[in-house]
Structures are given as C-alpha cells and as structure tokens.
C-alpha atoms as a PDB file:
ATOM      1  CA  ARG A   1     -10.892  -2.176 -17.373  1.00  0.00           C
ATOM      2  CA  LYS A   2     -13.950  -2.857 -19.459  1.00  0.00           C
ATOM      3  CA  ASP A   3     -14.298  -6.359 -18.620  1.00  0.00           C
ATOM      4  CA  LEU A   4     -13.820  -5.578 -15.193  1.00  0.00           C
ATOM      5  CA  LEU A   5     -16.790  -2.620 -15.280  1.00  0.00           C
ATOM      6  CA  LEU A   6     -18.974  -5.237 -16.990  1.00  0.00           C
ATOM      7  CA  LYS A   7     -18.209  -7.797 -14.584  1.00  0.00           C
ATOM      8  CA  ASN A   8     -18.808  -5.465 -11.924  1.00  0.00           C
ATOM      9  CA  ALA A   9     -21.773  -4.197 -13.360  1.00  0.00           C
ATOM     10  CA  GLU A  10     -23.918  -7.986 -12.868  1.00  0.00           C
ATOM     11  CA  VAL A  11     -22.716  -8.226  -9.737  1.00  0.00           C
ATOM     12  CA  PHE A  12     -23.893  -5.054  -8.540  1.00  0.00           C
ATOM     13  CA  LYS A  13     -27.233  -5.308 -10.216  1.00  0.00           C
ATOM     14  CA  SER A  14     -27.972  -8.396  -8.412  1.00  0.00           C
ATOM     15  CA  GLN A  15     -26.863  -7.243  -5.313  1.00  0.00           C
ATOM     16  CA  GLY A  16     -29.058  -4.358  -5.817  1.00  0.00           C
ATOM     17  CA  GLU A  17     -31.942  -6.502  -6.998  1.00  0.00           C
ATOM     18  CA  ALA A  18     -31.266  -8.732  -3.589  1.00  0.00           C
ATOM     19  CA  LEU A  19     -30.933  -5.316  -1.176  1.00  0.00           C
ATOM     20  CA  GLY A  20     -34.393  -3.845  -2.657  1.00  0.00           C
ATOM     21  CA  LYS A  21     -35.851  -7.034  -1.983  1.00  0.00           C
ATOM     22  CA  VAL A  22     -35.157  -7.050   1.756  1.00  0.00           C
ATOM     23  CA  SER A  23     -34.242  -3.604   2.805  1.00  0.00           C
ATOM     24  CA  LYS A  24     -36.756  -1.727   5.040  1.00  0.00           C
ATOM     25  CA  GLY A  25     -36.684   1.120   2.544  1.00  0.00           C
ATOM     26  CA  GLY A  26     -35.574   4.507   4.274  1.00  0.00           C
ATOM     27  CA  ASN A  27     -33.854   2.829   7.071  1.00  0.00           C
ATOM     28  CA  THR A  28     -31.585   0.716   5.020  1.00  0.00           C
ATOM     29  CA  ARG A  29     -28.286   2.419   4.646  1.00  0.00           C
ATOM     30  CA  ILE A  30     -25.556   0.700   1.783  1.00  0.00           C
ATOM     31  CA  LEU A  31     -21.860   1.220   2.175  1.00  0.00           C
ATOM     32  CA  VAL A  32     -19.910  -0.242  -0.943  1.00  0.00           C
ATOM     33  CA  VAL A  33     -16.502  -0.750  -0.896  1.00  0.00           C
ATOM     34  CA  GLY A  34     -15.308  -2.575  -4.231  1.00  0.00           C
ATOM     35  CA  ASN A  35     -13.705  -0.356  -6.713  1.00  0.00           C
ATOM     36  CA  PRO A  36     -14.748   1.274  -8.691  1.00  0.00           C
ATOM     37  CA  ALA A  37     -16.839   2.084  -5.191  1.00  0.00           C
ATOM     38  CA  ASN A  38     -18.808   5.054  -6.627  1.00  0.00           C
ATOM     39  CA  THR A  39     -19.546   3.268  -9.922  1.00  0.00           C
ATOM     40  CA  ASN A  40     -20.509  -0.065  -8.004  1.00  0.00           C
ATOM     41  CA  ALA A  41     -22.772   2.223  -5.726  1.00  0.00           C
ATOM     42  CA  TRP A  42     -24.725   3.776  -8.337  1.00  0.00           C
ATOM     43  CA  ILE A  43     -25.168   0.826  -9.942  1.00  0.00           C
ATOM     44  CA  ALA A  44     -26.705  -1.358  -7.013  1.00  0.00           C
ATOM     45  CA  SER A  45     -28.866   1.982  -6.142  1.00  0.00           C
ATOM     46  CA  LYS A  46     -30.491   1.700  -9.643  1.00  0.00           C
ATOM     47  CA  TYR A  47     -31.439  -1.820  -9.169  1.00  0.00           C
ATOM     48  CA  ALA A  48     -32.883  -1.026  -5.477  1.00  0.00           C
ATOM     49  CA  PRO A  49     -35.408   1.790  -6.220  1.00  0.00           C
ATOM     50  CA  SER A  50     -37.283   0.999  -2.638  1.00  0.00           C
ATOM     51  CA  ILE A  51     -33.941   2.345  -0.774  1.00  0.00           C
ATOM     52  CA  PRO A  52     -33.337   6.085  -1.553  1.00  0.00           C
ATOM     53  CA  VAL A  53     -30.376   6.976  -3.442  1.00  0.00           C
ATOM     54  CA  GLU A  54     -28.875   9.207  -0.397  1.00  0.00           C
ATOM     55  CA  ASN A  55     -28.614   6.203   1.387  1.00  0.00           C
ATOM     56  CA  PHE A  56     -25.681   4.626  -0.830  1.00  0.00           C
ATOM     57  CA  ALA A  57     -22.464   5.497   0.074  1.00  0.00           C
ATOM     58  CA  ALA A  58     -19.168   4.210  -1.514  1.00  0.00           C
ATOM     59  CA  MET A  59     -16.137   3.891   0.351  1.00  0.00           C
ATOM     60  CA  THR A  60     -12.170   3.967  -1.302  1.00  0.00           C
ATOM     61  CA  ARG A  61     -10.543   2.656   1.559  1.00  0.00           C
ATOM     62  CA  LEU A  62      -7.804   1.049  -0.010  1.00  0.00           C
ATOM     63  CA  ASP A  63      -7.064   4.558  -1.757  1.00  0.00           C
ATOM     64  CA  GLU A  64      -7.440   6.333   1.661  1.00  0.00           C
ATOM     65  CA  ASN A  65      -4.917   3.491   3.340  1.00  0.00           C
ATOM     66  CA  ARG A  66      -2.648   4.115   0.501  1.00  0.00           C
ATOM     67  CA  GLY A  67      -2.677   7.827   0.953  1.00  0.00           C
ATOM     68  CA  ALA A  68      -2.540   8.050   4.898  1.00  0.00           C
ATOM     69  CA  SER A  69       0.442   5.621   4.651  1.00  0.00           C
ATOM     70  CA  MET A  70       1.918   7.941   1.911  1.00  0.00           C
ATOM     71  CA  LEU A  71       1.419  11.053   4.410  1.00  0.00           C
ATOM     72  CA  SER A  72       2.895   8.994   7.172  1.00  0.00           C
ATOM     73  CA  GLN A  73       6.190   8.188   5.174  1.00  0.00           C
ATOM     74  CA  LYS A  74       6.367  11.874   4.229  1.00  0.00           C
ATOM     75  CA  LEU A  75       5.983  13.386   7.480  1.00  0.00           C
ATOM     76  CA  ASN A  76       7.885  10.509   9.421  1.00  0.00           C
ATOM     77  CA  VAL A  77       5.078   9.583  11.940  1.00  0.00           C
ATOM     78  CA  PRO A  78       3.474   6.536  12.737  1.00  0.00           C
ATOM     79  CA  LEU A  79       0.838   5.629  10.679  1.00  0.00           C
ATOM     80  CA  SER A  80      -1.296   5.368  13.812  1.00  0.00           C
ATOM     81  CA  ASN A  81      -0.775   8.724  14.626  1.00  0.00           C
ATOM     82  CA  ILE A  82      -2.749   9.944  11.844  1.00  0.00           C
ATOM     83  CA  ASP A  83      -6.336  10.376  11.805  1.00  0.00           C
ATOM     84  CA  ARG A  84      -9.091  12.224   9.685  1.00  0.00           C
ATOM     85  CA  PHE A  85      -7.518  11.498   6.463  1.00  0.00           C
ATOM     86  CA  VAL A  86      -9.839  11.117   3.460  1.00  0.00           C
ATOM     87  CA  ILE A  87      -9.828  10.329  -0.267  1.00  0.00           C
ATOM     88  CA  TRP A  88     -12.805  12.292  -2.282  1.00  0.00           C
ATOM     89  CA  GLY A  89     -14.027  10.814  -5.932  1.00  0.00           C
ATOM     90  CA  ASN A  90     -13.888   7.768  -7.512  1.00  0.00           C
ATOM     91  CA  HIS A  91     -10.984   5.169  -7.864  1.00  0.00           C
ATOM     92  CA  SER A  92      -9.424   7.099 -10.552  1.00  0.00           C
ATOM     93  CA  ALA A  93      -7.587  10.586 -11.514  1.00  0.00           C
ATOM     94  CA  THR A  94     -10.401  11.992 -10.253  1.00  0.00           C
ATOM     95  CA  GLN A  95      -9.859  11.366  -6.808  1.00  0.00           C
ATOM     96  CA  PHE A  96      -8.602  14.221  -4.208  1.00  0.00           C
ATOM     97  CA  PRO A  97      -6.727  13.500  -0.695  1.00  0.00           C
ATOM     98  CA  ASP A  98      -7.992  15.961   1.511  1.00  0.00           C
ATOM     99  CA  ILE A  99      -5.882  16.770   4.486  1.00  0.00           C
ATOM    100  CA  ASN A 100      -7.670  19.790   5.515  1.00  0.00           C
ATOM    101  CA  HIS A 101      -9.151  18.097   8.551  1.00  0.00           C
ATOM    102  CA  ALA A 102      -6.397  15.182   8.577  1.00  0.00           C
ATOM    103  CA  THR A 103      -4.909  15.038  12.334  1.00  0.00           C
ATOM    104  CA  ILE A 104      -1.540  13.756  13.672  1.00  0.00           C
ATOM    105  CA  ASP A 105      -1.470  13.187  17.549  1.00  0.00           C
ATOM    106  CA  GLY A 106      -4.826  15.342  17.780  1.00  0.00           C
ATOM    107  CA  LYS A 107      -3.209  18.455  15.945  1.00  0.00           C
ATOM    108  CA  LEU A 108      -4.479  19.457  12.467  1.00  0.00           C
ATOM    109  CA  ILE A 109      -1.697  18.645   9.860  1.00  0.00           C
ATOM    110  CA  SER A 110      -2.973  21.799   7.446  1.00  0.00           C
END
C-alpha cells in the first residue's frame, strides 16, 4: 500500500496545485472520491491554500455502495429501496457504517 500512497500523493499534490491556481477561493468546493479519500483530500488541500480546508470533502462511495448492498442482502430488500445509509471514516479498518438515519421505503431502519 505504501507505493499506492506515494503515487496518490503525487497525483493529489498536482491536482491541489492546479485547483489552487484556478479556484475562486471560498466559493470553491472539492469532493474527492479516490481511496483513500480522506488522505487524498488532505493532500490536495495542503497544495491548494487558497481554498479553505473546510471546503474539501471526501467520499468513500465504493465502501458506501458495498455497505448498502450488504444491508440489502441482510434485510432481504431491494437495494433501490435503501436511502440515507452512510459510511464514516477513511477506506480502512477505522470506517464505520452508520444506519442511524438509513431508511427502507422511507421508514427508519434502526
């Protein structure tokens, strides 16, 4: 994984620098999807100082999709009926699936 982190660091450094050059500062919002999303968002933010750090967000969409699919199978409901399921944390053992606000057909699961 170290080699992947180093490669990602190069990519998100250059992306951060490019975003910093063309951004509108506080009006710019950045959503990072590539895993490890939190780490990549942090790297990009360090190289785009003109964009407030709070304007960077990380989305672990693949993990969220996997979690929702597992929930769908466990509860024997179509995946399309599940909403508001979310994964918190980075793409690692620290992530946490949160079903506290998740719904099936508009009704809370928990």
